[in-house]
Amino acid sequence: MHSFQRFALLLAMGVSAIQPLLAQSSAQSTAPASSSSTPSAAEARAQAQLQQAAAQSGESTVQARIRLRREQRRATAIHDAYDHKYDAYLGMGYMRFTPGTNLQRLTFYAWNTDVTRYRSERFGLDLDARGNFGTAYVGLNKYNLTRPAISQFDVMAGPVYRFYLHPKYDVAVRALGGVALGNFSGDTNHLGSVALGMWPDGTTFAASASLVGEYNITPAVAFRLAPEYFFTGFGYGSQLQASRGFTIGFAYRFGKQ
């Protein structure tokens, strides 16, 4: 009987000693599982960086699409404005011209018209005609004629090249060459232009180099301004008149390429 009581007492003491050990072992085994279920700080930062990169990639894709649509609209507007076979121009001109070797410059006012045949959106061939009218001051003289009216008519042709295209405007260079007809004695009462110190009547070469700017009012109608240098060879020998001026007016485009 006593031996049974001692055995029961030892058994109770052993069970009470084993229980704390089992609880400690269970806590140690569940701790890694709980820690493994929660992401670490490094993993959280990496996930945030991936989300940010994805957002930036989507934003850049949207911006690229916007830029592409803008470029497509610009190209379409340029094509609509400059894909014409012809343009017809009508305007006026202003030029400072020397009517004689020892005479001061006068102001020529002109009508100006031309037609251009374009081979592409940029390159064309231009045919230009103009009439210039002014009054020359020849000084005091025995003929009592100091301000005769003179005129000059020009027909020229040459290439034009648009080096800058924009939906609303373009800039081109143009070089023309042809003939000029000078009428300097028509208002001299049959005295002749030479007697008053002016160039003799006649025909000579004409050349023009200009920078042409156009502002598009519509794809088919443009306002044009063209400052230029204008060269003629009236007189004797190697005399050259280098005049500066501009033409201004409106161009109408028609005929698709």
C-alpha atoms as a PDB file:
ATOM      1  CA  MET A   1       0.000   0.000   0.000  1.00  0.00           C
ATOM      2  CA  HIS A   2       2.787   2.386   0.932  1.00  0.00           C
ATOM      3  CA  SER A   3       4.691   1.510  -2.214  1.00  0.00           C
ATOM      4  CA  PHE A   4       1.625   2.363  -4.328  1.00  0.00           C
ATOM      5  CA  GLN A   5       1.273   5.704  -2.622  1.00  0.00           C
ATOM      6  CA  ARG A   6       4.952   6.478  -3.255  1.00  0.00           C
ATOM      7  CA  PHE A   7       4.550   5.537  -6.947  1.00  0.00           C
ATOM      8  CA  ALA A   8       1.513   7.777  -7.344  1.00  0.00           C
ATOM      9  CA  LEU A   9       3.340  10.648  -5.669  1.00  0.00           C
ATOM     10  CA  LEU A  10       6.348  10.244  -8.002  1.00  0.00           C
ATOM     11  CA  LEU A  11       4.031  10.035 -11.033  1.00  0.00           C
ATOM     12  CA  ALA A  12       2.256  13.268 -10.095  1.00  0.00           C
ATOM     13  CA  MET A  13       5.545  15.046  -9.558  1.00  0.00           C
ATOM     14  CA  GLY A  14       6.834  13.889 -12.993  1.00  0.00           C
ATOM     15  CA  VAL A  15       3.712  15.027 -14.809  1.00  0.00           C
ATOM     16  CA  SER A  16       3.892  18.448 -13.179  1.00  0.00           C
ATOM     17  CA  ALA A  17       7.554  18.774 -14.225  1.00  0.00           C
ATOM     18  CA  ILE A  18       6.956  17.712 -17.846  1.00  0.00           C
ATOM     19  CA  GLN A  19       4.064  20.153 -18.505  1.00  0.00           C
ATOM     20  CA  PRO A  20       6.245  23.364 -18.502  1.00  0.00           C
ATOM     21  CA  LEU A  21       8.694  21.729 -20.896  1.00  0.00           C
ATOM     22  CA  LEU A  22       5.931  20.792 -23.346  1.00  0.00           C
ATOM     23  CA  ALA A  23       4.484  24.337 -23.253  1.00  0.00           C
ATOM     24  CA  GLN A  24       7.922  25.844 -23.982  1.00  0.00           C
ATOM     25  CA  SER A  25       8.480  23.461 -26.902  1.00  0.00           C
ATOM     26  CA  SER A  26       5.060  24.302 -28.364  1.00  0.00           C
ATOM     27  CA  ALA A  27       5.755  28.056 -28.176  1.00  0.00           C
ATOM     28  CA  GLN A  28       9.108  27.615 -29.916  1.00  0.00           C
ATOM     29  CA  SER A  29       7.522  25.585 -32.730  1.00  0.00           C
ATOM     30  CA  THR A  30       4.730  28.129 -33.398  1.00  0.00           C
ATOM     31  CA  ALA A  31       6.966  31.226 -33.337  1.00  0.00           C
ATOM     32  CA  PRO A  32       8.636  30.634 -36.763  1.00  0.00           C
ATOM     33  CA  ALA A  33       5.282  29.912 -38.333  1.00  0.00           C
ATOM     34  CA  SER A  34       3.845  33.200 -37.141  1.00  0.00           C
ATOM     35  CA  SER A  35       6.979  35.120 -38.170  1.00  0.00           C
ATOM     36  CA  SER A  36       6.978  33.478 -41.586  1.00  0.00           C
ATOM     37  CA  SER A  37       3.388  34.562 -42.225  1.00  0.00           C
ATOM     38  CA  THR A  38       4.260  38.265 -41.702  1.00  0.00           C
ATOM     39  CA  PRO A  39       6.418  39.863 -44.555  1.00  0.00           C
ATOM     40  CA  SER A  40       9.720  41.412 -43.541  1.00  0.00           C
ATOM     41  CA  ALA A  41      10.554  45.141 -44.025  1.00  0.00           C
ATOM     42  CA  ALA A  42      12.825  44.387 -47.014  1.00  0.00           C
ATOM     43  CA  GLU A  43      10.061  42.415 -48.724  1.00  0.00           C
ATOM     44  CA  ALA A  44       7.603  45.284 -48.118  1.00  0.00           C
ATOM     45  CA  ARG A  45      10.019  47.815 -49.654  1.00  0.00           C
ATOM     46  CA  ALA A  46      10.592  45.602 -52.697  1.00  0.00           C
ATOM     47  CA  GLN A  47       6.851  45.185 -53.209  1.00  0.00           C
ATOM     48  CA  ALA A  48       6.319  48.978 -52.954  1.00  0.00           C
ATOM     49  CA  GLN A  49       9.085  49.607 -55.499  1.00  0.00           C
ATOM     50  CA  LEU A  50       7.487  47.155 -57.932  1.00  0.00           C
ATOM     51  CA  GLN A  51       4.118  48.878 -57.575  1.00  0.00           C
ATOM     52  CA  GLN A  52       5.715  52.308 -58.134  1.00  0.00           C
ATOM     53  CA  ALA A  53       7.567  51.077 -61.235  1.00  0.00           C
ATOM     54  CA  ALA A  54       4.342  49.645 -62.640  1.00  0.00           C
ATOM     55  CA  ALA A  55       2.546  52.957 -62.059  1.00  0.00           C
ATOM     56  CA  GLN A  56       5.345  54.948 -63.720  1.00  0.00           C
ATOM     57  CA  SER A  57       5.373  52.557 -66.676  1.00  0.00           C
ATOM     58  CA  GLY A  58       1.641  53.037 -67.152  1.00  0.00           C
ATOM     59  CA  GLU A  59       1.992  56.819 -66.934  1.00  0.00           C
ATOM     60  CA  SER A  60       4.814  56.877 -69.511  1.00  0.00           C
ATOM     61  CA  THR A  61       2.731  54.723 -71.841  1.00  0.00           C
ATOM     62  CA  VAL A  62      -0.156  57.207 -71.621  1.00  0.00           C
ATOM     63  CA  GLN A  63       2.192  60.136 -72.299  1.00  0.00           C
ATOM     64  CA  ALA A  64       3.682  58.316 -75.289  1.00  0.00           C
ATOM     65  CA  ARG A  65       0.203  57.783 -76.723  1.00  0.00           C
ATOM     66  CA  ILE A  66      -0.635  61.460 -76.230  1.00  0.00           C
ATOM     67  CA  ARG A  67       2.582  62.507 -78.006  1.00  0.00           C
ATOM     68  CA  LEU A  68       1.891  60.105 -80.856  1.00  0.00           C
ATOM     69  CA  ARG A  69      -1.642  61.442 -81.362  1.00  0.00           C
ATOM     70  CA  ARG A  70      -0.316  65.023 -81.276  1.00  0.00           C
ATOM     71  CA  GLU A  71       2.310  64.236 -83.920  1.00  0.00           C
ATOM     72  CA  GLN A  72      -0.303  62.515 -86.078  1.00  0.00           C
ATOM     73  CA  ARG A  73      -2.597  65.569 -85.911  1.00  0.00           C
ATOM     74  CA  ARG A  74       0.338  67.862 -86.776  1.00  0.00           C
ATOM     75  CA  ALA A  75       1.370  65.718 -89.764  1.00  0.00           C
ATOM     76  CA  THR A  76      -2.224  65.663 -91.030  1.00  0.00           C
ATOM     77  CA  ALA A  77      -2.526  69.456 -90.752  1.00  0.00           C
ATOM     78  CA  ILE A  78       0.777  69.949 -92.617  1.00  0.00           C
ATOM     79  CA  HIS A  79      -0.329  67.569 -95.341  1.00  0.00           C
ATOM     80  CA  ASP A  80      -3.681  69.343 -95.734  1.00  0.00           C
ATOM     81  CA  ALA A  81      -1.991  72.751 -96.064  1.00  0.00           C
ATOM     82  CA  TYR A  82       0.948  71.957 -98.344  1.00  0.00           C
ATOM     83  CA  ASP A  83      -0.105  68.973-100.432  1.00  0.00           C
ATOM     84  CA  HIS A  84      -1.313  71.173-103.307  1.00  0.00           C
ATOM     85  CA  LYS A  85      -0.047  71.172-106.881  1.00  0.00           C
ATOM     86  CA  TYR A  86      -0.494  74.902-107.467  1.00  0.00           C
ATOM     87  CA  ASP A  87      -0.751  78.189-105.722  1.00  0.00           C
ATOM     88  CA  ALA A  88      -1.761  81.482-107.307  1.00  0.00           C
ATOM     89  CA  TYR A  89      -0.617  84.720-105.697  1.00  0.00           C
ATOM     90  CA  LEU A  90      -1.742  88.325-106.061  1.00  0.00           C
ATOM     91  CA  GLY A  91      -0.256  91.231-104.154  1.00  0.00           C
ATOM     92  CA  MET A  92       1.745  94.416-104.189  1.00  0.00           C
ATOM     93  CA  GLY A  93       5.403  95.344-103.881  1.00  0.00           C
ATOM     94  CA  TYR A  94       7.720  97.988-102.508  1.00  0.00           C
ATOM     95  CA  MET A  95      11.288  98.587-103.729  1.00  0.00           C
ATOM     96  CA  ARG A  96      13.995 101.211-103.456  1.00  0.00           C
ATOM     97  CA  PHE A  97      15.506 101.696-106.939  1.00  0.00           C
ATOM     98  CA  THR A  98      18.279 103.889-108.374  1.00  0.00           C
ATOM     99  CA  PRO A  99      17.028 105.407-111.693  1.00  0.00           C
ATOM    100  CA  GLY A 100      20.385 106.817-112.803  1.00  0.00           C
ATOM    101  CA  THR A 101      24.086 106.858-111.992  1.00  0.00           C
ATOM    102  CA  ASN A 102      24.052 110.143-110.065  1.00  0.00           C
ATOM    103  CA  LEU A 103      20.423 110.161-108.963  1.00  0.00           C
ATOM    104  CA  GLN A 104      18.995 109.370-105.571  1.00  0.00           C
ATOM    105  CA  ARG A 105      16.919 106.292-104.944  1.00  0.00           C
ATOM    106  CA  LEU A 106      13.196 106.388-105.541  1.00  0.00           C
ATOM    107  CA  THR A 107      10.340 104.263-104.260  1.00  0.00           C
ATOM    108  CA  PHE A 108       8.789 101.803-106.666  1.00  0.00           C
ATOM    109  CA  TYR A 109       5.265 100.617-105.878  1.00  0.00           C
ATOM    110  CA  ALA A 110       4.252  97.499-107.753  1.00  0.00           C
ATOM    111  CA  TRP A 111       1.550  95.037-108.536  1.00  0.00           C
ATOM    112  CA  ASN A 112       2.819  91.470-108.324  1.00  0.00           C
ATOM    113  CA  THR A 113       1.383  88.121-109.353  1.00  0.00           C
ATOM    114  CA  ASP A 114       2.782  84.636-109.702  1.00  0.00           C
ATOM    115  CA  VAL A 115       1.846  80.998-110.107  1.00  0.00           C
ATOM    116  CA  THR A 116       3.812  78.143-108.512  1.00  0.00           C
ATOM    117  CA  ARG A 117       3.760  74.494-109.550  1.00  0.00           C
ATOM    118  CA  TYR A 118       4.774  72.314-106.604  1.00  0.00           C
ATOM    119  CA  ARG A 119       6.430  68.968-107.223  1.00  0.00           C
ATOM    120  CA  SER A 120       6.208  68.033-103.541  1.00  0.00           C
ATOM    121  CA  GLU A 121       5.154  69.661-100.282  1.00  0.00           C
ATOM    122  CA  ARG A 122       8.488  71.529-100.222  1.00  0.00           C
ATOM    123  CA  PHE A 123       9.784  72.112-103.753  1.00  0.00           C
ATOM    124  CA  GLY A 124       8.132  74.092-106.537  1.00  0.00           C
ATOM    125  CA  LEU A 125       8.769  76.141-109.691  1.00  0.00           C
ATOM    126  CA  ASP A 126       7.577  79.739-109.705  1.00  0.00           C
ATOM    127  CA  LEU A 127       6.575  82.065-112.569  1.00  0.00           C
ATOM    128  CA  ASP A 128       6.482  85.715-111.443  1.00  0.00           C
ATOM    129  CA  ALA A 129       5.345  88.944-113.120  1.00  0.00           C
ATOM    130  CA  ARG A 130       5.251  92.471-111.760  1.00  0.00           C
ATOM    131  CA  GLY A 131       4.942  96.101-112.775  1.00  0.00           C
ATOM    132  CA  ASN A 132       6.792  98.843-110.856  1.00  0.00           C
ATOM    133  CA  PHE A 133       5.842 102.518-110.871  1.00  0.00           C
ATOM    134  CA  GLY A 134       7.538 105.498-109.292  1.00  0.00           C
ATOM    135  CA  THR A 135       8.639 109.119-109.616  1.00  0.00           C
ATOM    136  CA  ALA A 136      12.309 109.970-110.083  1.00  0.00           C
ATOM    137  CA  TYR A 137      13.802 113.174-108.751  1.00  0.00           C
ATOM    138  CA  VAL A 138      16.304 114.367-111.381  1.00  0.00           C
ATOM    139  CA  GLY A 139      17.104 117.764-109.868  1.00  0.00           C
ATOM    140  CA  LEU A 140      16.729 121.270-111.277  1.00  0.00           C
ATOM    141  CA  ASN A 141      17.412 121.553-114.996  1.00  0.00           C
ATOM    142  CA  LYS A 142      16.824 123.797-117.977  1.00  0.00           C
ATOM    143  CA  TYR A 143      13.895 121.678-119.103  1.00  0.00           C
ATOM    144  CA  ASN A 144      11.900 122.573-116.002  1.00  0.00           C
ATOM    145  CA  LEU A 145      11.187 118.856-115.503  1.00  0.00           C
ATOM    146  CA  THR A 146      12.273 117.581-112.115  1.00  0.00           C
ATOM    147  CA  ARG A 147      10.006 114.620-111.266  1.00  0.00           C
ATOM    148  CA  PRO A 148       9.237 112.413-114.277  1.00  0.00           C
ATOM    149  CA  ALA A 149       7.230 109.245-113.749  1.00  0.00           C
ATOM    150  CA  ILE A 150       9.017 106.028-114.701  1.00  0.00           C
ATOM    151  CA  SER A 151       8.058 102.357-114.782  1.00  0.00           C
ATOM    152  CA  GLN A 152       9.627  98.909-114.984  1.00  0.00           C
ATOM    153  CA  PHE A 153       8.081  95.545-115.878  1.00  0.00           C
ATOM    154  CA  ASP A 154       9.607  92.182-114.946  1.00  0.00           C
ATOM    155  CA  VAL A 155       8.963  88.559-115.849  1.00  0.00           C
ATOM    156  CA  MET A 156      10.978  85.919-113.968  1.00  0.00           C
ATOM    157  CA  ALA A 157      10.952  82.234-113.117  1.00  0.00           C
ATOM    158  CA  GLY A 158      12.823  79.992-110.722  1.00  0.00           C
ATOM    159  CA  PRO A 159      12.724  77.460-107.883  1.00  0.00           C
ATOM    160  CA  VAL A 160      11.180  77.864-104.444  1.00  0.00           C
ATOM    161  CA  TYR A 161      11.922  75.571-101.510  1.00  0.00           C
ATOM    162  CA  ARG A 162      10.037  75.415 -98.204  1.00  0.00           C
ATOM    163  CA  PHE A 163      12.645  74.572 -95.586  1.00  0.00           C
ATOM    164  CA  TYR A 164      10.314  74.890 -92.589  1.00  0.00           C
ATOM    165  CA  LEU A 165       6.748  73.593 -92.442  1.00  0.00           C
ATOM    166  CA  HIS A 166       4.251  74.203 -89.641  1.00  0.00           C
ATOM    167  CA  PRO A 167       0.473  73.723 -89.644  1.00  0.00           C
ATOM    168  CA  LYS A 168      -0.005  77.509 -89.353  1.00  0.00           C
ATOM    169  CA  TYR A 169       2.966  78.906 -91.303  1.00  0.00           C
ATOM    170  CA  ASP A 170       5.923  78.033 -93.518  1.00  0.00           C
ATOM    171  CA  VAL A 171       9.234  79.642 -94.492  1.00  0.00           C
ATOM    172  CA  ALA A 172      10.817  79.241 -97.934  1.00  0.00           C
ATOM    173  CA  VAL A 173      13.691  80.545-100.051  1.00  0.00           C
ATOM    174  CA  ARG A 174      13.188  81.593-103.664  1.00  0.00           C
ATOM    175  CA  ALA A 175      15.541  82.497-106.503  1.00  0.00           C
ATOM    176  CA  LEU A 176      14.174  84.027-109.718  1.00  0.00           C
ATOM    177  CA  GLY A 177      15.736  85.134-112.975  1.00  0.00           C
ATOM    178  CA  GLY A 178      14.354  86.708-116.126  1.00  0.00           C
ATOM    179  CA  VAL A 179      14.015  89.995-118.018  1.00  0.00           C
ATOM    180  CA  ALA A 180      13.198  93.572-117.042  1.00  0.00           C
ATOM    181  CA  LEU A 181      11.789  96.224-119.347  1.00  0.00           C
ATOM    182  CA  GLY A 182      12.529  99.801-118.310  1.00  0.00           C
ATOM    183  CA  ASN A 183      10.421 102.731-119.453  1.00  0.00           C
ATOM    184  CA  PHE A 184      12.241 105.818-118.182  1.00  0.00           C
ATOM    185  CA  SER A 185      11.385 108.358-120.916  1.00  0.00           C
ATOM    186  CA  GLY A 186       7.615 108.065-121.083  1.00  0.00           C
ATOM    187  CA  ASP A 187       7.081 111.218-119.000  1.00  0.00           C
ATOM    188  CA  THR A 188       9.939 113.355-120.348  1.00  0.00           C
ATOM    189  CA  ASN A 189       8.054 115.239-123.129  1.00  0.00           C
ATOM    190  CA  HIS A 190      10.130 113.444-125.768  1.00  0.00           C
ATOM    191  CA  LEU A 191      13.408 114.676-124.264  1.00  0.00           C
ATOM    192  CA  GLY A 192      14.580 111.175-123.506  1.00  0.00           C
ATOM    193  CA  SER A 193      15.645 109.751-120.169  1.00  0.00           C
ATOM    194  CA  VAL A 194      19.387 110.135-120.767  1.00  0.00           C
ATOM    195  CA  ALA A 195      19.087 113.919-121.048  1.00  0.00           C
ATOM    196  CA  LEU A 196      17.748 113.931-117.478  1.00  0.00           C
ATOM    197  CA  GLY A 197      20.441 111.622-116.124  1.00  0.00           C
ATOM    198  CA  MET A 198      18.331 108.452-116.040  1.00  0.00           C
ATOM    199  CA  TRP A 199      18.939 105.035-117.560  1.00  0.00           C
ATOM    200  CA  PRO A 200      18.054 104.644-121.237  1.00  0.00           C
ATOM    201  CA  ASP A 201      14.898 102.738-122.082  1.00  0.00           C
ATOM    202  CA  GLY A 202      15.509  99.103-122.809  1.00  0.00           C
ATOM    203  CA  THR A 203      15.512  95.500-121.735  1.00  0.00           C
ATOM    204  CA  THR A 204      17.998  93.874-119.392  1.00  0.00           C
ATOM    205  CA  PHE A 205      18.259  90.945-117.017  1.00  0.00           C
ATOM    206  CA  ALA A 206      16.334  90.762-113.770  1.00  0.00           C
ATOM    207  CA  ALA A 207      17.110  88.565-110.749  1.00  0.00           C
ATOM    208  CA  SER A 208      15.573  88.226-107.334  1.00  0.00           C
ATOM    209  CA  ALA A 209      16.572  86.397-104.123  1.00  0.00           C
ATOM    210  CA  SER A 210      13.931  86.368-101.414  1.00  0.00           C
ATOM    211  CA  LEU A 211      12.852  84.798 -98.149  1.00  0.00           C
ATOM    212  CA  VAL A 212       9.169  83.900 -98.347  1.00  0.00           C
ATOM    213  CA  GLY A 213       7.005  83.584 -95.261  1.00  0.00           C
ATOM    214  CA  GLU A 214       3.375  82.443 -95.372  1.00  0.00           C
ATOM    215  CA  TYR A 215       0.753  82.439 -92.628  1.00  0.00           C
ATOM    216  CA  ASN A 216      -2.112  80.023 -93.249  1.00  0.00           C
ATOM    217  CA  ILE A 217      -5.542  81.592 -92.813  1.00  0.00           C
ATOM    218  CA  THR A 218      -7.040  78.300 -93.995  1.00  0.00           C
ATOM    219  CA  PRO A 219      -5.303  75.258 -95.527  1.00  0.00           C
ATOM    220  CA  ALA A 220      -6.040  76.773 -98.979  1.00  0.00           C
ATOM    221  CA  VAL A 221      -5.480  80.509 -98.319  1.00  0.00           C
ATOM    222  CA  ALA A 222      -2.290  82.077 -96.979  1.00  0.00           C
ATOM    223  CA  PHE A 223      -1.001  85.558 -96.284  1.00  0.00           C
ATOM    224  CA  ARG A 224       2.474  86.003 -97.825  1.00  0.00           C
ATOM    225  CA  LEU A 225       5.344  88.371 -97.057  1.00  0.00           C
ATOM    226  CA  ALA A 226       8.598  88.143 -99.025  1.00  0.00           C
ATOM    227  CA  PRO A 227      11.524  90.504 -98.366  1.00  0.00           C
ATOM    228  CA  GLU A 228      13.971  90.403-101.273  1.00  0.00           C
ATOM    229  CA  TYR A 229      17.048  91.689-103.066  1.00  0.00           C
ATOM    230  CA  PHE A 230      16.345  92.640-106.675  1.00  0.00           C
ATOM    231  CA  PHE A 231      19.044  93.061-109.331  1.00  0.00           C
ATOM    232  CA  THR A 232      18.907  94.675-112.786  1.00  0.00           C
ATOM    233  CA  GLY A 233      21.509  95.806-115.337  1.00  0.00           C
ATOM    234  CA  PHE A 234      20.150  99.017-116.837  1.00  0.00           C
ATOM    235  CA  GLY A 235      22.719 101.448-118.197  1.00  0.00           C
ATOM    236  CA  TYR A 236      25.999 100.882-119.990  1.00  0.00           C
ATOM    237  CA  GLY A 237      28.714  98.342-119.477  1.00  0.00           C
ATOM    238  CA  SER A 238      28.769  96.491-116.171  1.00  0.00           C
ATOM    239  CA  GLN A 239      26.446  98.749-114.222  1.00  0.00           C
ATOM    240  CA  LEU A 240      24.284  96.919-111.704  1.00  0.00           C
ATOM    241  CA  GLN A 241      21.305  98.111-109.715  1.00  0.00           C
ATOM    242  CA  ALA A 242      20.930  96.276-106.388  1.00  0.00           C
ATOM    243  CA  SER A 243      17.563  97.138-104.939  1.00  0.00           C
ATOM    244  CA  ARG A 244      15.908  96.092-101.715  1.00  0.00           C
ATOM    245  CA  GLY A 245      12.212  95.691-101.079  1.00  0.00           C
ATOM    246  CA  PHE A 246       9.413  93.246-100.383  1.00  0.00           C
ATOM    247  CA  THR A 247       6.209  91.856-101.820  1.00  0.00           C
ATOM    248  CA  ILE A 248       3.048  91.229 -99.815  1.00  0.00           C
ATOM    249  CA  GLY A 249      -0.290  89.655-100.650  1.00  0.00           C
ATOM    250  CA  PHE A 250      -2.418  86.501-100.576  1.00  0.00           C
ATOM    251  CA  ALA A 251      -1.852  83.054-102.072  1.00  0.00           C
ATOM    252  CA  TYR A 252      -4.561  80.569-102.997  1.00  0.00           C
ATOM    253  CA  ARG A 253      -3.641  76.861-103.118  1.00  0.00           C
ATOM    254  CA  PHE A 254      -5.483  74.328-105.237  1.00  0.00           C
ATOM    255  CA  GLY A 255      -5.090  70.890-106.828  1.00  0.00           C
ATOM    256  CA  LYS A 256      -4.036  67.938-104.676  1.00  0.00           C
ATOM    257  CA  GLN A 257      -0.747  66.167-105.361  1.00  0.00           C
END
